[in-house]
Amino acid sequence: MKQGLLLCFYILGGIVVGAMFAGICEEIPMLKWLAYSHSIGISKGNPLVLDLSVLKITFAFSMGISVAQIVTIAGALFLYNRSSFR
């Protein structure tokens, strides 16, 4: 249980740090490739709608990930494996 929470903490930390790093690298021409991102999912522009005439439910889910986030998540997993807390 403790190791699972620690792993989630490392991964979430990698996602947040990667997003900040991607935002910073977006302004630097040489590192702009780290800010390249792609969104996947059911977007707001084309949601899944369930219309029951009395009730209308809209489902939408979107997730975006950048190259910098992939790199920092990999680094976070490496640090998790090297940590002595496990």
PDB file of N, CA and C in Angstrom:
ATOM      1  N   MET A   1       0.826  -1.196   0.000  1.00  0.00           N
ATOM      2  CA  MET A   1       0.000   0.000   0.000  1.00  0.00           C
ATOM      3  C   MET A   1       0.872   1.262   0.000  1.00  0.00           C
ATOM      4  N   LYS A   2       1.866   1.245   0.863  1.00  0.00           N
ATOM      5  CA  LYS A   2       2.755   2.394   0.982  1.00  0.00           C
ATOM      6  C   LYS A   2       3.560   2.617  -0.299  1.00  0.00           C
ATOM      7  N   GLN A   3       4.024   1.515  -0.902  1.00  0.00           N
ATOM      8  CA  GLN A   3       4.802   1.621  -2.128  1.00  0.00           C
ATOM      9  C   GLN A   3       3.942   2.127  -3.285  1.00  0.00           C
ATOM     10  N   GLY A   4       2.666   1.720  -3.324  1.00  0.00           N
ATOM     11  CA  GLY A   4       1.764   2.178  -4.381  1.00  0.00           C
ATOM     12  C   GLY A   4       1.509   3.674  -4.308  1.00  0.00           C
ATOM     13  N   LEU A   5       1.326   4.177  -3.088  1.00  0.00           N
ATOM     14  CA  LEU A   5       1.130   5.622  -2.926  1.00  0.00           C
ATOM     15  C   LEU A   5       2.384   6.395  -3.292  1.00  0.00           C
ATOM     16  N   LEU A   6       3.527   5.850  -2.927  1.00  0.00           N
ATOM     17  CA  LEU A   6       4.788   6.506  -3.268  1.00  0.00           C
ATOM     18  C   LEU A   6       4.992   6.521  -4.782  1.00  0.00           C
ATOM     19  N   LEU A   7       4.652   5.424  -5.454  1.00  0.00           N
ATOM     20  CA  LEU A   7       4.757   5.370  -6.910  1.00  0.00           C
ATOM     21  C   LEU A   7       3.833   6.395  -7.557  1.00  0.00           C
ATOM     22  N   CYS A   8       2.599   6.515  -7.065  1.00  0.00           N
ATOM     23  CA  CYS A   8       1.666   7.518  -7.595  1.00  0.00           C
ATOM     24  C   CYS A   8       2.205   8.930  -7.382  1.00  0.00           C
ATOM     25  N   PHE A   9       2.803   9.174  -6.224  1.00  0.00           N
ATOM     26  CA  PHE A   9       3.390  10.486  -5.938  1.00  0.00           C
ATOM     27  C   PHE A   9       4.509  10.806  -6.927  1.00  0.00           C
ATOM     28  N   TYR A  10       5.381   9.847  -7.183  1.00  0.00           N
ATOM     29  CA  TYR A  10       6.477  10.058  -8.140  1.00  0.00           C
ATOM     30  C   TYR A  10       5.937  10.327  -9.544  1.00  0.00           C
ATOM     31  N   ILE A  11       4.940   9.545  -9.971  1.00  0.00           N
ATOM     32  CA  ILE A  11       4.394   9.730 -11.318  1.00  0.00           C
ATOM     33  C   ILE A  11       3.693  11.078 -11.442  1.00  0.00           C
ATOM     34  N   LEU A  12       2.873  11.444 -10.447  1.00  0.00           N
ATOM     35  CA  LEU A  12       2.203  12.753 -10.487  1.00  0.00           C
ATOM     36  C   LEU A  12       3.214  13.894 -10.452  1.00  0.00           C
ATOM     37  N   GLY A  13       4.264  13.720  -9.666  1.00  0.00           N
ATOM     38  CA  GLY A  13       5.329  14.724  -9.654  1.00  0.00           C
ATOM     39  C   GLY A  13       5.993  14.855 -11.014  1.00  0.00           C
ATOM     40  N   GLY A  14       6.222  13.732 -11.686  1.00  0.00           N
ATOM     41  CA  GLY A  14       6.804  13.753 -13.024  1.00  0.00           C
ATOM     42  C   GLY A  14       5.901  14.446 -14.027  1.00  0.00           C
ATOM     43  N   ILE A  15       4.582  14.225 -13.900  1.00  0.00           N
ATOM     44  CA  ILE A  15       3.630  14.878 -14.801  1.00  0.00           C
ATOM     45  C   ILE A  15       3.627  16.389 -14.601  1.00  0.00           C
ATOM     46  N   VAL A  16       3.606  16.823 -13.347  1.00  0.00           N
ATOM     47  CA  VAL A  16       3.562  18.264 -13.055  1.00  0.00           C
ATOM     48  C   VAL A  16       4.862  18.945 -13.467  1.00  0.00           C
ATOM     49  N   VAL A  17       5.983  18.355 -13.121  1.00  0.00           N
ATOM     50  CA  VAL A  17       7.281  18.945 -13.481  1.00  0.00           C
ATOM     51  C   VAL A  17       7.435  18.962 -15.000  1.00  0.00           C
ATOM     52  N   GLY A  18       6.998  17.913 -15.669  1.00  0.00           N
ATOM     53  CA  GLY A  18       7.079  17.860 -17.126  1.00  0.00           C
ATOM     54  C   GLY A  18       6.226  18.917 -17.796  1.00  0.00           C
ATOM     55  N   ALA A  19       5.033  19.176 -17.243  1.00  0.00           N
ATOM     56  CA  ALA A  19       4.167  20.218 -17.801  1.00  0.00           C
ATOM     57  C   ALA A  19       4.805  21.599 -17.640  1.00  0.00           C
ATOM     58  N   MET A  20       5.401  21.847 -16.479  1.00  0.00           N
ATOM     59  CA  MET A  20       6.082  23.135 -16.275  1.00  0.00           C
ATOM     60  C   MET A  20       7.295  23.251 -17.196  1.00  0.00           C
ATOM     61  N   PHE A  21       8.046  22.174 -17.331  1.00  0.00           N
ATOM     62  CA  PHE A  21       9.224  22.159 -18.194  1.00  0.00           C
ATOM     63  C   PHE A  21       8.827  22.386 -19.648  1.00  0.00           C
ATOM     64  N   ALA A  22       7.721  21.775 -20.083  1.00  0.00           N
ATOM     65  CA  ALA A  22       7.242  21.965 -21.453  1.00  0.00           C
ATOM     66  C   ALA A  22       6.835  23.411 -21.688  1.00  0.00           C
ATOM     67  N   GLY A  23       6.207  24.034 -20.696  1.00  0.00           N
ATOM     68  CA  GLY A  23       5.824  25.439 -20.821  1.00  0.00           C
ATOM     69  C   GLY A  23       7.028  26.357 -20.943  1.00  0.00           C
ATOM     70  N   ILE A  24       8.078  26.048 -20.218  1.00  0.00           N
ATOM     71  CA  ILE A  24       9.303  26.846 -20.288  1.00  0.00           C
ATOM     72  C   ILE A  24      10.004  26.630 -21.633  1.00  0.00           C
ATOM     73  N   CYS A  25      10.081  25.375 -22.074  1.00  0.00           N
ATOM     74  CA  CYS A  25      10.791  25.041 -23.316  1.00  0.00           C
ATOM     75  C   CYS A  25      10.058  25.533 -24.555  1.00  0.00           C
ATOM     76  N   GLU A  26       8.781  25.843 -24.434  1.00  0.00           N
ATOM     77  CA  GLU A  26       8.009  26.321 -25.573  1.00  0.00           C
ATOM     78  C   GLU A  26       8.543  27.647 -26.103  1.00  0.00           C
ATOM     79  N   GLU A  27       9.135  28.444 -25.237  1.00  0.00           N
ATOM     80  CA  GLU A  27       9.659  29.755 -25.617  1.00  0.00           C
ATOM     81  C   GLU A  27      11.081  29.699 -26.176  1.00  0.00           C
ATOM     82  N   ILE A  28      11.778  28.583 -25.977  1.00  0.00           N
ATOM     83  CA  ILE A  28      13.165  28.459 -26.419  1.00  0.00           C
ATOM     84  C   ILE A  28      13.182  27.695 -27.748  1.00  0.00           C
ATOM     85  N   PRO A  29      13.613  28.343 -28.824  1.00  0.00           N
ATOM     86  CA  PRO A  29      13.554  27.701 -30.148  1.00  0.00           C
ATOM     87  C   PRO A  29      14.278  26.349 -30.227  1.00  0.00           C
ATOM     88  N   MET A  30      15.407  26.223 -29.572  1.00  0.00           N
ATOM     89  CA  MET A  30      16.183  24.986 -29.647  1.00  0.00           C
ATOM     90  C   MET A  30      15.510  23.834 -28.889  1.00  0.00           C
ATOM     91  N   LEU A  31      14.724  24.151 -27.866  1.00  0.00           N
ATOM     92  CA  LEU A  31      14.070  23.123 -27.052  1.00  0.00           C
ATOM     93  C   LEU A  31      12.567  23.034 -27.302  1.00  0.00           C
ATOM     94  N   LYS A  32      12.105  23.664 -28.352  1.00  0.00           N
ATOM     95  CA  LYS A  32      10.668  23.696 -28.642  1.00  0.00           C
ATOM     96  C   LYS A  32      10.088  22.300 -28.857  1.00  0.00           C
ATOM     97  N   TRP A  33      10.897  21.354 -29.316  1.00  0.00           N
ATOM     98  CA  TRP A  33      10.425  19.997 -29.563  1.00  0.00           C
ATOM     99  C   TRP A  33       9.976  19.309 -28.279  1.00  0.00           C
ATOM    100  N   LEU A  34      10.500  19.725 -27.129  1.00  0.00           N
ATOM    101  CA  LEU A  34      10.068  19.143 -25.859  1.00  0.00           C
ATOM    102  C   LEU A  34       8.638  19.535 -25.501  1.00  0.00           C
ATOM    103  N   ALA A  35       8.157  20.637 -26.049  1.00  0.00           N
ATOM    104  CA  ALA A  35       6.809  21.106 -25.764  1.00  0.00           C
ATOM    105  C   ALA A  35       5.769  20.500 -26.704  1.00  0.00           C
ATOM    106  N   TYR A  36       6.195  19.702 -27.682  1.00  0.00           N
ATOM    107  CA  TYR A  36       5.244  19.079 -28.601  1.00  0.00           C
ATOM    108  C   TYR A  36       4.321  18.159 -27.803  1.00  0.00           C
ATOM    109  N   SER A  37       3.024  18.344 -27.986  1.00  0.00           N
ATOM    110  CA  SER A  37       2.063  17.524 -27.252  1.00  0.00           C
ATOM    111  C   SER A  37       0.946  17.057 -28.174  1.00  0.00           C
ATOM    112  N   HIS A  38       0.252  16.063 -27.707  1.00  0.00           N
ATOM    113  CA  HIS A  38      -0.873  15.517 -28.456  1.00  0.00           C
ATOM    114  C   HIS A  38      -1.980  15.171 -27.472  1.00  0.00           C
ATOM    115  N   SER A  39      -3.207  15.486 -27.837  1.00  0.00           N
ATOM    116  CA  SER A  39      -4.359  15.177 -26.989  1.00  0.00           C
ATOM    117  C   SER A  39      -5.079  13.948 -27.528  1.00  0.00           C
ATOM    118  N   ILE A  40      -5.509  13.110 -26.604  1.00  0.00           N
ATOM    119  CA  ILE A  40      -6.284  11.933 -26.980  1.00  0.00           C
ATOM    120  C   ILE A  40      -7.541  11.888 -26.125  1.00  0.00           C
ATOM    121  N   GLY A  41      -8.553  11.241 -26.610  1.00  0.00           N
ATOM    122  CA  GLY A  41      -9.782  11.078 -25.847  1.00  0.00           C
ATOM    123  C   GLY A  41     -10.996  11.561 -26.604  1.00  0.00           C
ATOM    124  N   ILE A  42     -12.088  11.661 -25.888  1.00  0.00           N
ATOM    125  CA  ILE A  42     -13.336  12.185 -26.434  1.00  0.00           C
ATOM    126  C   ILE A  42     -13.346  13.667 -26.082  1.00  0.00           C
ATOM    127  N   SER A  43     -13.134  14.515 -27.071  1.00  0.00           N
ATOM    128  CA  SER A  43     -12.940  15.936 -26.803  1.00  0.00           C
ATOM    129  C   SER A  43     -14.249  16.685 -26.610  1.00  0.00           C
ATOM    130  N   LYS A  44     -14.115  17.922 -26.150  1.00  0.00           N
ATOM    131  CA  LYS A  44     -15.288  18.778 -25.939  1.00  0.00           C
ATOM    132  C   LYS A  44     -15.972  19.113 -27.255  1.00  0.00           C
ATOM    133  N   GLY A  45     -15.230  19.146 -28.331  1.00  0.00           N
ATOM    134  CA  GLY A  45     -15.803  19.472 -29.632  1.00  0.00           C
ATOM    135  C   GLY A  45     -16.655  18.354 -30.208  1.00  0.00           C
ATOM    136  N   ASN A  46     -16.398  17.121 -29.781  1.00  0.00           N
ATOM    137  CA  ASN A  46     -17.133  15.974 -30.305  1.00  0.00           C
ATOM    138  C   ASN A  46     -17.443  14.994 -29.162  1.00  0.00           C
ATOM    139  N   PRO A  47     -18.265  15.404 -28.196  1.00  0.00           N
ATOM    140  CA  PRO A  47     -18.524  14.536 -27.042  1.00  0.00           C
ATOM    141  C   PRO A  47     -19.509  13.412 -27.366  1.00  0.00           C
ATOM    142  N   LEU A  48     -19.542  12.430 -26.511  1.00  0.00           N
ATOM    143  CA  LEU A  48     -20.495  11.341 -26.606  1.00  0.00           C
ATOM    144  C   LEU A  48     -21.748  11.761 -25.841  1.00  0.00           C
ATOM    145  N   VAL A  49     -22.888  11.800 -26.521  1.00  0.00           N
ATOM    146  CA  VAL A  49     -24.126  12.305 -25.916  1.00  0.00           C
ATOM    147  C   VAL A  49     -25.143  11.173 -25.827  1.00  0.00           C
ATOM    148  N   LEU A  50     -25.720  11.024 -24.636  1.00  0.00           N
ATOM    149  CA  LEU A  50     -26.799  10.071 -24.410  1.00  0.00           C
ATOM    150  C   LEU A  50     -28.064  10.882 -24.147  1.00  0.00           C
ATOM    151  N   ASP A  51     -28.982  10.862 -25.101  1.00  0.00           N
ATOM    152  CA  ASP A  51     -30.213  11.654 -25.004  1.00  0.00           C
ATOM    153  C   ASP A  51     -31.387  10.725 -24.716  1.00  0.00           C
ATOM    154  N   LEU A  52     -31.956  10.846 -23.522  1.00  0.00           N
ATOM    155  CA  LEU A  52     -33.091  10.021 -23.112  1.00  0.00           C
ATOM    156  C   LEU A  52     -34.386  10.821 -23.096  1.00  0.00           C
ATOM    157  N   SER A  53     -34.441  11.881 -23.835  1.00  0.00           N
ATOM    158  CA  SER A  53     -35.543  12.839 -23.988  1.00  0.00           C
ATOM    159  C   SER A  53     -35.880  13.584 -22.699  1.00  0.00           C
ATOM    160  N   VAL A  54     -35.809  12.966 -21.563  1.00  0.00           N
ATOM    161  CA  VAL A  54     -36.030  13.658 -20.288  1.00  0.00           C
ATOM    162  C   VAL A  54     -34.693  14.090 -19.695  1.00  0.00           C
ATOM    163  N   LEU A  55     -33.677  13.287 -19.935  1.00  0.00           N
ATOM    164  CA  LEU A  55     -32.357  13.515 -19.374  1.00  0.00           C
ATOM    165  C   LEU A  55     -31.327  13.420 -20.500  1.00  0.00           C
ATOM    166  N   LYS A  56     -30.444  14.386 -20.548  1.00  0.00           N
ATOM    167  CA  LYS A  56     -29.389  14.403 -21.558  1.00  0.00           C
ATOM    168  C   LYS A  56     -28.044  14.372 -20.837  1.00  0.00           C
ATOM    169  N   ILE A  57     -27.243  13.353 -21.120  1.00  0.00           N
ATOM    170  CA  ILE A  57     -25.947  13.179 -20.470  1.00  0.00           C
ATOM    171  C   ILE A  57     -24.859  13.291 -21.534  1.00  0.00           C
ATOM    172  N   THR A  58     -23.846  14.088 -21.227  1.00  0.00           N
ATOM    173  CA  THR A  58     -22.725  14.284 -22.140  1.00  0.00           C
ATOM    174  C   THR A  58     -21.455  13.748 -21.490  1.00  0.00           C
ATOM    175  N   PHE A  59     -20.762  12.885 -22.199  1.00  0.00           N
ATOM    176  CA  PHE A  59     -19.507  12.318 -21.726  1.00  0.00           C
ATOM    177  C   PHE A  59     -18.362  12.895 -22.544  1.00  0.00           C
ATOM    178  N   ALA A  60     -17.338  13.394 -21.849  1.00  0.00           N
ATOM    179  CA  ALA A  60     -16.151  13.905 -22.532  1.00  0.00           C
ATOM    180  C   ALA A  60     -14.929  13.626 -21.654  1.00  0.00           C
ATOM    181  N   PHE A  61     -13.874  13.216 -22.275  1.00  0.00           N
ATOM    182  CA  PHE A  61     -12.613  12.967 -21.583  1.00  0.00           C
ATOM    183  C   PHE A  61     -11.488  13.289 -22.540  1.00  0.00           C
ATOM    184  N   SER A  62     -10.528  14.063 -22.074  1.00  0.00           N
ATOM    185  CA  SER A  62      -9.395  14.423 -22.913  1.00  0.00           C
ATOM    186  C   SER A  62      -8.134  14.439 -22.067  1.00  0.00           C
ATOM    187  N   MET A  63      -7.059  13.930 -22.625  1.00  0.00           N
ATOM    188  CA  MET A  63      -5.792  13.899 -21.922  1.00  0.00           C
ATOM    189  C   MET A  63      -4.700  14.315 -22.900  1.00  0.00           C
ATOM    190  N   GLY A  64      -3.881  15.231 -22.492  1.00  0.00           N
ATOM    191  CA  GLY A  64      -2.766  15.670 -23.327  1.00  0.00           C
ATOM    192  C   GLY A  64      -1.446  15.336 -22.656  1.00  0.00           C
ATOM    193  N   ILE A  65      -0.483  14.918 -23.447  1.00  0.00           N
ATOM    194  CA  ILE A  65       0.835  14.592 -22.906  1.00  0.00           C
ATOM    195  C   ILE A  65       1.895  15.131 -23.860  1.00  0.00           C
ATOM    196  N   SER A  66       2.953  15.664 -23.288  1.00  0.00           N
ATOM    197  CA  SER A  66       4.032  16.239 -24.096  1.00  0.00           C
ATOM    198  C   SER A  66       5.285  15.376 -23.987  1.00  0.00           C
ATOM    199  N   VAL A  67       6.243  15.665 -24.849  1.00  0.00           N
ATOM    200  CA  VAL A  67       7.512  14.938 -24.845  1.00  0.00           C
ATOM    201  C   VAL A  67       8.232  15.164 -23.513  1.00  0.00           C
ATOM    202  N   ALA A  68       8.188  16.376 -23.005  1.00  0.00           N
ATOM    203  CA  ALA A  68       8.841  16.683 -21.729  1.00  0.00           C
ATOM    204  C   ALA A  68       8.216  15.879 -20.586  1.00  0.00           C
ATOM    205  N   GLN A  69       6.908  15.682 -20.623  1.00  0.00           N
ATOM    206  CA  GLN A  69       6.258  14.888 -19.583  1.00  0.00           C
ATOM    207  C   GLN A  69       6.677  13.426 -19.664  1.00  0.00           C
ATOM    208  N   ILE A  70       6.827  12.897 -20.871  1.00  0.00           N
ATOM    209  CA  ILE A  70       7.281  11.514 -21.016  1.00  0.00           C
ATOM    210  C   ILE A  70       8.686  11.357 -20.431  1.00  0.00           C
ATOM    211  N   VAL A  71       9.550  12.331 -20.700  1.00  0.00           N
ATOM    212  CA  VAL A  71      10.921  12.280 -20.190  1.00  0.00           C
ATOM    213  C   VAL A  71      10.929  12.372 -18.664  1.00  0.00           C
ATOM    214  N   THR A  72      10.146  13.280 -18.093  1.00  0.00           N
ATOM    215  CA  THR A  72      10.149  13.435 -16.637  1.00  0.00           C
ATOM    216  C   THR A  72       9.451  12.277 -15.933  1.00  0.00           C
ATOM    217  N   ILE A  73       8.456  11.662 -16.554  1.00  0.00           N
ATOM    218  CA  ILE A  73       7.834  10.475 -15.962  1.00  0.00           C
ATOM    219  C   ILE A  73       8.838   9.324 -15.940  1.00  0.00           C
ATOM    220  N   ALA A  74       9.598   9.168 -17.021  1.00  0.00           N
ATOM    221  CA  ALA A  74      10.643   8.135 -17.055  1.00  0.00           C
ATOM    222  C   ALA A  74      11.686   8.399 -15.970  1.00  0.00           C
ATOM    223  N   GLY A  75      12.056   9.661 -15.791  1.00  0.00           N
ATOM    224  CA  GLY A  75      12.991  10.020 -14.722  1.00  0.00           C
ATOM    225  C   GLY A  75      12.418   9.751 -13.345  1.00  0.00           C
ATOM    226  N   ALA A  76      11.135  10.020 -13.168  1.00  0.00           N
ATOM    227  CA  ALA A  76      10.490   9.759 -11.880  1.00  0.00           C
ATOM    228  C   ALA A  76      10.445   8.264 -11.578  1.00  0.00           C
ATOM    229  N   LEU A  77      10.177   7.451 -12.595  1.00  0.00           N
ATOM    230  CA  LEU A  77      10.184   5.999 -12.394  1.00  0.00           C
ATOM    231  C   LEU A  77      11.582   5.493 -12.057  1.00  0.00           C
ATOM    232  N   PHE A  78      12.589   6.081 -12.690  1.00  0.00           N
ATOM    233  CA  PHE A  78      13.972   5.725 -12.377  1.00  0.00           C
ATOM    234  C   PHE A  78      14.300   6.083 -10.930  1.00  0.00           C
ATOM    235  N   LEU A  79      13.901   7.293 -10.497  1.00  0.00           N
ATOM    236  CA  LEU A  79      14.150   7.705  -9.117  1.00  0.00           C
ATOM    237  C   LEU A  79      13.385   6.834  -8.118  1.00  0.00           C
ATOM    238  N   TYR A  80      12.182   6.412  -8.492  1.00  0.00           N
ATOM    239  CA  TYR A  80      11.396   5.539  -7.622  1.00  0.00           C
ATOM    240  C   TYR A  80      12.111   4.201  -7.430  1.00  0.00           C
ATOM    241  N   ASN A  81      12.646   3.656  -8.514  1.00  0.00           N
ATOM    242  CA  ASN A  81      13.372   2.379  -8.405  1.00  0.00           C
ATOM    243  C   ASN A  81      14.652   2.509  -7.602  1.00  0.00           C
ATOM    244  N   ARG A  82      15.271   3.673  -7.613  1.00  0.00           N
ATOM    245  CA  ARG A  82      16.522   3.902  -6.880  1.00  0.00           C
ATOM    246  C   ARG A  82      16.296   4.360  -5.447  1.00  0.00           C
ATOM    247  N   SER A  83      15.051   4.692  -5.076  1.00  0.00           N
ATOM    248  CA  SER A  83      14.797   5.220  -3.739  1.00  0.00           C
ATOM    249  C   SER A  83      14.931   4.137  -2.685  1.00  0.00           C
ATOM    250  N   SER A  84      15.311   4.539  -1.483  1.00  0.00           N
ATOM    251  CA  SER A  84      15.488   3.607  -0.389  1.00  0.00           C
ATOM    252  C   SER A  84      14.231   3.506   0.490  1.00  0.00           C
ATOM    253  N   PHE A  85      13.157   4.180   0.080  1.00  0.00           N
ATOM    254  CA  PHE A  85      11.922   4.158   0.867  1.00  0.00           C
ATOM    255  C   PHE A  85      11.142   2.855   0.683  1.00  0.00           C
ATOM    256  N   ARG A  86      11.446   2.122  -0.389  1.00  0.00           N
ATOM    257  CA  ARG A  86      10.683   0.905  -0.683  1.00  0.00           C
ATOM    258  C   ARG A  86      11.014  -0.202   0.255  1.00  0.00           C
TER     259      ARG A  86
END
